[in-house]
Amino acid sequence: CVGIDFTSSNGDPRIPGTQHYSRDGMMNDYEEAIAALGSTIEKYSSSQEYPVWGFGAKYGGTVRHIFQCGGSPTANGTQGVLDAYRTVFETDLIMSGPTVINSVLRQAAARSKKFYNAPLSKTNMGYCVLLVLTDGIVNDLQSTQELVRSYRELQIPLSVIVVGIGRADFTEFHKWNHAPLDIRGRFQFVEFREHQFDPDTLARKALLNIPHEIVDYFLSRNILPH
């Protein structure tokens, strides 16, 4: 699953230098992050189908904390995710705010519960990774942290990766990132600009904890690694 920040702090996407600005086939930072992580994650996805959600935009005068990107509920492969992202700028959205990702988290968790409820065996083991791209700290950080932590406590097969885009102060995400597992939950944060010229390092850093979190989940379901 992918969640993308369309709040107004990203700037007008028509103006060069803003976070969503892109032209002449050159990728912006959101696109580069999607491409770097997507090309790695899709190697481990059997379906290659990913829901793509936006948050923080206003449609019809109402701020939407989650909305579908693209014409289909899921996008096919990394290129499909990029295409779904780009179609948003063909709609009548107004970039707004605040930055709230709890609706995106709940939707990803609902999708993950389908894996949890499916018959579990060594040949049928589903797990979900949510990639959130945002240009700033979420508004209600405490409730977001509690939500992520609860998914581990409830044995929901979900890991959350947040990629910070731009030059905002991401101190609170870094603090969350370095908390003990019981407090952090299955969460990882990485700043895009620290690795923007090395997509392999970006992917490696962002996905660092995923193998351990997957093992942690399946051990909680009494499935041993093999």
C-alpha atoms as a PDB file:
ATOM      1  CA  CYS A   1       0.000   0.000   0.000  1.00  0.00           C
ATOM      2  CA  VAL A   2       1.115   3.547  -0.694  1.00  0.00           C
ATOM      3  CA  GLY A   3      -0.005   6.809   0.950  1.00  0.00           C
ATOM      4  CA  ILE A   4       1.013  10.149  -0.593  1.00  0.00           C
ATOM      5  CA  ASP A   5       0.920  13.627   0.956  1.00  0.00           C
ATOM      6  CA  PHE A   6      -1.005  16.252  -1.010  1.00  0.00           C
ATOM      7  CA  THR A   7      -1.092  18.928   1.693  1.00  0.00           C
ATOM      8  CA  SER A   8      -0.489  22.560   0.766  1.00  0.00           C
ATOM      9  CA  SER A   9       2.905  22.656   2.505  1.00  0.00           C
ATOM     10  CA  ASN A  10       4.251  20.814  -0.549  1.00  0.00           C
ATOM     11  CA  GLY A  11       3.745  23.986  -2.572  1.00  0.00           C
ATOM     12  CA  ASP A  12       2.020  24.588  -5.895  1.00  0.00           C
ATOM     13  CA  PRO A  13       2.935  21.628  -8.149  1.00  0.00           C
ATOM     14  CA  ARG A  14       3.069  23.995 -11.147  1.00  0.00           C
ATOM     15  CA  ILE A  15       5.948  25.991  -9.632  1.00  0.00           C
ATOM     16  CA  PRO A  16       9.556  24.764 -10.083  1.00  0.00           C
ATOM     17  CA  GLY A  17      11.249  23.812  -6.842  1.00  0.00           C
ATOM     18  CA  THR A  18       8.111  22.637  -5.059  1.00  0.00           C
ATOM     19  CA  GLN A  19       7.820  19.031  -3.902  1.00  0.00           C
ATOM     20  CA  HIS A  20       5.354  17.779  -6.528  1.00  0.00           C
ATOM     21  CA  TYR A  21       6.738  19.750  -9.460  1.00  0.00           C
ATOM     22  CA  SER A  22       7.824  17.598 -12.392  1.00  0.00           C
ATOM     23  CA  ARG A  23       8.388  18.235 -16.091  1.00  0.00           C
ATOM     24  CA  ASP A  24      10.262  17.037 -19.178  1.00  0.00           C
ATOM     25  CA  GLY A  25      10.308  13.469 -17.929  1.00  0.00           C
ATOM     26  CA  MET A  26      12.356  14.297 -14.833  1.00  0.00           C
ATOM     27  CA  MET A  27      11.080  12.701 -11.623  1.00  0.00           C
ATOM     28  CA  ASN A  28      10.368  14.741  -8.527  1.00  0.00           C
ATOM     29  CA  ASP A  29      11.362  13.470  -5.066  1.00  0.00           C
ATOM     30  CA  TYR A  30       8.046  11.687  -4.507  1.00  0.00           C
ATOM     31  CA  GLU A  31       8.443   9.809  -7.780  1.00  0.00           C
ATOM     32  CA  GLU A  32      12.071   8.924  -7.114  1.00  0.00           C
ATOM     33  CA  ALA A  33      11.191   7.551  -3.674  1.00  0.00           C
ATOM     34  CA  ILE A  34       8.338   5.476  -5.111  1.00  0.00           C
ATOM     35  CA  ALA A  35      10.592   4.122  -7.852  1.00  0.00           C
ATOM     36  CA  ALA A  36      13.443   3.251  -5.467  1.00  0.00           C
ATOM     37  CA  LEU A  37      11.353   1.456  -2.867  1.00  0.00           C
ATOM     38  CA  GLY A  38       8.775   0.032  -5.245  1.00  0.00           C
ATOM     39  CA  SER A  39      11.354  -1.685  -7.432  1.00  0.00           C
ATOM     40  CA  THR A  40      12.643  -3.506  -4.351  1.00  0.00           C
ATOM     41  CA  ILE A  41       9.343  -4.337  -2.663  1.00  0.00           C
ATOM     42  CA  GLU A  42       7.710  -5.658  -5.828  1.00  0.00           C
ATOM     43  CA  LYS A  43      10.307  -8.455  -6.000  1.00  0.00           C
ATOM     44  CA  TYR A  44       8.589  -9.967  -2.965  1.00  0.00           C
ATOM     45  CA  SER A  45       4.995  -9.333  -4.043  1.00  0.00           C
ATOM     46  CA  SER A  46       3.146 -12.186  -5.727  1.00  0.00           C
ATOM     47  CA  SER A  47       0.177 -10.052  -6.840  1.00  0.00           C
ATOM     48  CA  GLN A  48       1.979  -6.821  -7.846  1.00  0.00           C
ATOM     49  CA  GLU A  49      -1.239  -4.996  -6.935  1.00  0.00           C
ATOM     50  CA  TYR A  50      -0.948  -1.954  -4.665  1.00  0.00           C
ATOM     51  CA  PRO A  51      -3.638   0.405  -3.376  1.00  0.00           C
ATOM     52  CA  VAL A  52      -2.505   4.029  -3.785  1.00  0.00           C
ATOM     53  CA  TRP A  53      -4.092   6.621  -1.513  1.00  0.00           C
ATOM     54  CA  GLY A  54      -3.655  10.347  -1.210  1.00  0.00           C
ATOM     55  CA  PHE A  55      -4.285  12.467   1.858  1.00  0.00           C
ATOM     56  CA  GLY A  56      -4.498  16.141   2.732  1.00  0.00           C
ATOM     57  CA  ALA A  57      -6.244  17.436  -0.410  1.00  0.00           C
ATOM     58  CA  LYS A  58      -9.578  19.170  -0.654  1.00  0.00           C
ATOM     59  CA  TYR A  59     -12.274  18.002  -3.066  1.00  0.00           C
ATOM     60  CA  GLY A  60     -15.610  19.783  -3.343  1.00  0.00           C
ATOM     61  CA  GLY A  61     -14.705  21.987  -0.398  1.00  0.00           C
ATOM     62  CA  THR A  62     -14.030  19.039   1.928  1.00  0.00           C
ATOM     63  CA  VAL A  63     -10.600  17.971   3.149  1.00  0.00           C
ATOM     64  CA  ARG A  64     -10.021  14.308   2.392  1.00  0.00           C
ATOM     65  CA  HIS A  65      -7.723  12.415   4.734  1.00  0.00           C
ATOM     66  CA  ILE A  66      -7.801   9.494   2.321  1.00  0.00           C
ATOM     67  CA  PHE A  67      -8.768   9.237  -1.332  1.00  0.00           C
ATOM     68  CA  GLN A  68      -8.023   6.856  -4.166  1.00  0.00           C
ATOM     69  CA  CYS A  69      -5.288   7.790  -6.606  1.00  0.00           C
ATOM     70  CA  GLY A  70      -5.888   6.570 -10.149  1.00  0.00           C
ATOM     71  CA  GLY A  71      -8.904   5.037 -11.792  1.00  0.00           C
ATOM     72  CA  SER A  72      -8.663   1.617 -10.114  1.00  0.00           C
ATOM     73  CA  PRO A  73      -8.626   0.517  -6.462  1.00  0.00           C
ATOM     74  CA  THR A  74      -5.155  -0.935  -7.003  1.00  0.00           C
ATOM     75  CA  ALA A  75      -2.221  -0.111  -9.259  1.00  0.00           C
ATOM     76  CA  ASN A  76      -0.156  -2.745 -11.035  1.00  0.00           C
ATOM     77  CA  GLY A  77       3.541  -2.665 -10.180  1.00  0.00           C
ATOM     78  CA  THR A  78       5.737   0.339  -9.473  1.00  0.00           C
ATOM     79  CA  GLN A  79       4.947   1.937 -12.823  1.00  0.00           C
ATOM     80  CA  GLY A  80       1.251   1.629 -12.034  1.00  0.00           C
ATOM     81  CA  VAL A  81       1.806   3.407  -8.709  1.00  0.00           C
ATOM     82  CA  LEU A  82       3.626   6.237 -10.480  1.00  0.00           C
ATOM     83  CA  ASP A  83       0.846   6.515 -13.062  1.00  0.00           C
ATOM     84  CA  ALA A  84      -1.817   6.609 -10.329  1.00  0.00           C
ATOM     85  CA  TYR A  85       0.102   9.355  -8.516  1.00  0.00           C
ATOM     86  CA  ARG A  86       0.386  11.462 -11.666  1.00  0.00           C
ATOM     87  CA  THR A  87      -3.326  11.242 -12.473  1.00  0.00           C
ATOM     88  CA  VAL A  88      -4.156  13.096  -9.250  1.00  0.00           C
ATOM     89  CA  PHE A  89      -2.891  16.322 -10.828  1.00  0.00           C
ATOM     90  CA  GLU A  90      -5.440  15.894 -13.618  1.00  0.00           C
ATOM     91  CA  THR A  91      -8.283  16.142 -11.084  1.00  0.00           C
ATOM     92  CA  ASP A  92      -9.792  19.205  -9.417  1.00  0.00           C
ATOM     93  CA  LEU A  93      -7.939  18.768  -6.122  1.00  0.00           C
ATOM     94  CA  ILE A  94      -6.947  21.715  -3.968  1.00  0.00           C
ATOM     95  CA  MET A  95      -3.913  20.991  -1.838  1.00  0.00           C
ATOM     96  CA  SER A  96      -4.918  21.622   1.745  1.00  0.00           C
ATOM     97  CA  GLY A  97      -4.250  20.123   5.188  1.00  0.00           C
ATOM     98  CA  PRO A  98      -3.684  19.235   7.969  1.00  0.00           C
ATOM     99  CA  THR A  99      -1.285  16.288   7.666  1.00  0.00           C
ATOM    100  CA  VAL A 100      -3.232  13.331   9.064  1.00  0.00           C
ATOM    101  CA  ILE A 101      -2.395   9.736   8.127  1.00  0.00           C
ATOM    102  CA  ASN A 102      -4.612   7.799  10.545  1.00  0.00           C
ATOM    103  CA  SER A 103      -7.234   7.084   7.881  1.00  0.00           C
ATOM    104  CA  VAL A 104      -4.519   5.705   5.611  1.00  0.00           C
ATOM    105  CA  LEU A 105      -3.197   3.563   8.465  1.00  0.00           C
ATOM    106  CA  ARG A 106      -6.651   2.164   9.218  1.00  0.00           C
ATOM    107  CA  GLN A 107      -7.287   1.329   5.570  1.00  0.00           C
ATOM    108  CA  ALA A 108      -3.928  -0.464   5.313  1.00  0.00           C
ATOM    109  CA  ALA A 109      -4.707  -2.350   8.521  1.00  0.00           C
ATOM    110  CA  ALA A 110      -8.107  -3.397   7.169  1.00  0.00           C
ATOM    111  CA  ARG A 111      -6.379  -4.811   4.091  1.00  0.00           C
ATOM    112  CA  SER A 112      -3.794  -6.549   6.272  1.00  0.00           C
ATOM    113  CA  LYS A 113      -6.502  -8.205   8.375  1.00  0.00           C
ATOM    114  CA  LYS A 114      -7.476 -10.227   5.317  1.00  0.00           C
ATOM    115  CA  PHE A 115      -4.062 -11.889   5.546  1.00  0.00           C
ATOM    116  CA  TYR A 116      -4.554 -12.413   9.271  1.00  0.00           C
ATOM    117  CA  ASN A 117      -7.955 -14.038   8.801  1.00  0.00           C
ATOM    118  CA  ALA A 118      -6.855 -16.280   5.923  1.00  0.00           C
ATOM    119  CA  PRO A 119      -5.862 -19.879   6.757  1.00  0.00           C
ATOM    120  CA  LEU A 120      -2.195 -19.735   7.736  1.00  0.00           C
ATOM    121  CA  SER A 121       0.317 -22.261   6.456  1.00  0.00           C
ATOM    122  CA  LYS A 122       3.913 -22.327   5.263  1.00  0.00           C
ATOM    123  CA  THR A 123       2.670 -21.862   1.699  1.00  0.00           C
ATOM    124  CA  ASN A 124       0.076 -19.189   2.508  1.00  0.00           C
ATOM    125  CA  MET A 125       1.727 -16.368   4.465  1.00  0.00           C
ATOM    126  CA  GLY A 126       0.587 -12.848   3.627  1.00  0.00           C
ATOM    127  CA  TYR A 127       2.083  -9.629   4.967  1.00  0.00           C
ATOM    128  CA  CYS A 128       1.523  -5.961   4.117  1.00  0.00           C
ATOM    129  CA  VAL A 129       3.923  -3.009   3.952  1.00  0.00           C
ATOM    130  CA  LEU A 130       2.526   0.527   3.937  1.00  0.00           C
ATOM    131  CA  LEU A 131       4.744   3.188   2.372  1.00  0.00           C
ATOM    132  CA  VAL A 132       3.828   6.743   3.406  1.00  0.00           C
ATOM    133  CA  LEU A 133       5.491   9.724   1.709  1.00  0.00           C
ATOM    134  CA  THR A 134       5.080  13.051   3.477  1.00  0.00           C
ATOM    135  CA  ASP A 135       6.743  16.457   3.586  1.00  0.00           C
ATOM    136  CA  GLY A 136       6.233  17.020   7.312  1.00  0.00           C
ATOM    137  CA  ILE A 137       5.360  15.668  10.749  1.00  0.00           C
ATOM    138  CA  VAL A 138       1.781  14.455  11.151  1.00  0.00           C
ATOM    139  CA  ASN A 139      -0.523  16.680  13.180  1.00  0.00           C
ATOM    140  CA  ASP A 140      -1.561  14.261  15.926  1.00  0.00           C
ATOM    141  CA  LEU A 141       1.655  12.317  16.340  1.00  0.00           C
ATOM    142  CA  GLN A 142       0.680  10.633  19.601  1.00  0.00           C
ATOM    143  CA  SER A 143      -2.511   9.059  18.227  1.00  0.00           C
ATOM    144  CA  THR A 144      -0.599   7.968  15.111  1.00  0.00           C
ATOM    145  CA  GLN A 145       2.057   6.295  17.241  1.00  0.00           C
ATOM    146  CA  GLU A 146      -0.559   4.579  19.374  1.00  0.00           C
ATOM    147  CA  LEU A 147      -2.289   3.287  16.261  1.00  0.00           C
ATOM    148  CA  VAL A 148       0.911   1.824  14.793  1.00  0.00           C
ATOM    149  CA  ARG A 149       1.852   0.283  18.133  1.00  0.00           C
ATOM    150  CA  SER A 150      -1.603  -1.284  18.496  1.00  0.00           C
ATOM    151  CA  TYR A 151      -1.243  -3.145  15.196  1.00  0.00           C
ATOM    152  CA  ARG A 152       1.740  -5.058  16.542  1.00  0.00           C
ATOM    153  CA  GLU A 153      -0.086  -5.770  19.804  1.00  0.00           C
ATOM    154  CA  LEU A 154      -3.099  -7.032  17.834  1.00  0.00           C
ATOM    155  CA  GLN A 155      -0.858  -9.173  15.587  1.00  0.00           C
ATOM    156  CA  ILE A 156      -1.862  -7.302  12.429  1.00  0.00           C
ATOM    157  CA  PRO A 157       0.568  -8.273   9.598  1.00  0.00           C
ATOM    158  CA  LEU A 158       1.564  -4.692   8.766  1.00  0.00           C
ATOM    159  CA  SER A 159       4.771  -2.659   8.721  1.00  0.00           C
ATOM    160  CA  VAL A 160       4.784   1.113   8.209  1.00  0.00           C
ATOM    161  CA  ILE A 161       7.571   2.927   6.362  1.00  0.00           C
ATOM    162  CA  VAL A 162       7.515   6.730   6.323  1.00  0.00           C
ATOM    163  CA  VAL A 163       9.745   8.615   3.883  1.00  0.00           C
ATOM    164  CA  GLY A 164      10.252  12.292   4.638  1.00  0.00           C
ATOM    165  CA  ILE A 165      10.293  14.477   1.520  1.00  0.00           C
ATOM    166  CA  GLY A 166      11.894  17.919   1.527  1.00  0.00           C
ATOM    167  CA  ARG A 167      13.620  19.872   4.278  1.00  0.00           C
ATOM    168  CA  ALA A 168      11.088  19.917   7.093  1.00  0.00           C
ATOM    169  CA  ASP A 169      12.090  19.291  10.698  1.00  0.00           C
ATOM    170  CA  PHE A 170      11.621  15.522  11.070  1.00  0.00           C
ATOM    171  CA  THR A 171      13.063  15.326  14.599  1.00  0.00           C
ATOM    172  CA  GLU A 172       9.959  13.690  16.081  1.00  0.00           C
ATOM    173  CA  PHE A 173       9.972  10.965  13.415  1.00  0.00           C
ATOM    174  CA  HIS A 174      13.656  10.306  14.133  1.00  0.00           C
ATOM    175  CA  LYS A 175      12.887   9.981  17.860  1.00  0.00           C
ATOM    176  CA  TRP A 176      10.078   7.533  17.103  1.00  0.00           C
ATOM    177  CA  ASN A 177      12.399   5.619  14.813  1.00  0.00           C
ATOM    178  CA  HIS A 178      14.902   4.974  17.617  1.00  0.00           C
ATOM    179  CA  ALA A 179      12.403   3.927  20.290  1.00  0.00           C
ATOM    180  CA  PRO A 180      12.363   0.296  21.504  1.00  0.00           C
ATOM    181  CA  LEU A 181      10.218  -2.077  19.439  1.00  0.00           C
ATOM    182  CA  ASP A 182       7.469  -2.318  22.063  1.00  0.00           C
ATOM    183  CA  ILE A 183       7.064   1.469  21.927  1.00  0.00           C
ATOM    184  CA  ARG A 184       7.890   2.027  18.263  1.00  0.00           C
ATOM    185  CA  GLY A 185       5.757  -0.714  16.774  1.00  0.00           C
ATOM    186  CA  ARG A 186       6.570  -1.896  13.265  1.00  0.00           C
ATOM    187  CA  PHE A 187       7.673   1.532  12.058  1.00  0.00           C
ATOM    188  CA  GLN A 188      10.640   2.849  10.093  1.00  0.00           C
ATOM    189  CA  PHE A 189      11.472   6.402   9.059  1.00  0.00           C
ATOM    190  CA  VAL A 190      14.014   7.657   6.535  1.00  0.00           C
ATOM    191  CA  GLU A 191      14.677  11.093   5.050  1.00  0.00           C
ATOM    192  CA  PHE A 192      14.746  11.043   1.271  1.00  0.00           C
ATOM    193  CA  ARG A 193      17.273  13.870   0.879  1.00  0.00           C
ATOM    194  CA  GLU A 194      19.891  11.963   2.887  1.00  0.00           C
ATOM    195  CA  HIS A 195      19.941   9.259   0.202  1.00  0.00           C
ATOM    196  CA  GLN A 196      18.436  10.940  -2.859  1.00  0.00           C
ATOM    197  CA  PHE A 197      21.465  10.279  -5.053  1.00  0.00           C
ATOM    198  CA  ASP A 198      21.695   6.620  -4.037  1.00  0.00           C
ATOM    199  CA  PRO A 199      18.366   4.820  -4.508  1.00  0.00           C
ATOM    200  CA  ASP A 200      19.828   1.479  -3.411  1.00  0.00           C
ATOM    201  CA  THR A 201      20.862   2.930  -0.054  1.00  0.00           C
ATOM    202  CA  LEU A 202      17.468   4.627   0.304  1.00  0.00           C
ATOM    203  CA  ALA A 203      15.675   1.324  -0.228  1.00  0.00           C
ATOM    204  CA  ARG A 204      18.058  -0.555   2.054  1.00  0.00           C
ATOM    205  CA  LYS A 205      17.631   1.990   4.855  1.00  0.00           C
ATOM    206  CA  ALA A 206      13.850   2.152   4.523  1.00  0.00           C
ATOM    207  CA  LEU A 207      13.431  -1.615   4.409  1.00  0.00           C
ATOM    208  CA  LEU A 208      16.040  -2.327   7.096  1.00  0.00           C
ATOM    209  CA  ASN A 209      13.620  -3.629   9.714  1.00  0.00           C
ATOM    210  CA  ILE A 210      11.121  -5.369   7.458  1.00  0.00           C
ATOM    211  CA  PRO A 211      12.680  -8.896   7.607  1.00  0.00           C
ATOM    212  CA  HIS A 212      12.823  -8.731  11.420  1.00  0.00           C
ATOM    213  CA  GLU A 213       9.260  -7.423  11.641  1.00  0.00           C
ATOM    214  CA  ILE A 214       7.961 -10.190   9.389  1.00  0.00           C
ATOM    215  CA  VAL A 215       9.700 -12.805  11.552  1.00  0.00           C
ATOM    216  CA  ASP A 216       8.327 -11.081  14.671  1.00  0.00           C
ATOM    217  CA  TYR A 217       4.805 -11.343  13.284  1.00  0.00           C
ATOM    218  CA  PHE A 218       4.977 -14.971  12.217  1.00  0.00           C
ATOM    219  CA  LEU A 219       6.579 -16.022  15.484  1.00  0.00           C
ATOM    220  CA  SER A 220       3.603 -14.420  17.229  1.00  0.00           C
ATOM    221  CA  ARG A 221       1.424 -16.731  15.093  1.00  0.00           C
ATOM    222  CA  ASN A 222       3.605 -19.756  15.958  1.00  0.00           C
ATOM    223  CA  ILE A 223       5.058 -20.035  12.456  1.00  0.00           C
ATOM    224  CA  LEU A 224       8.813 -20.608  12.589  1.00  0.00           C
ATOM    225  CA  PRO A 225      11.236 -19.243   9.927  1.00  0.00           C
ATOM    226  CA  HIS A 226      12.414 -21.769   7.380  1.00  0.00           C
END
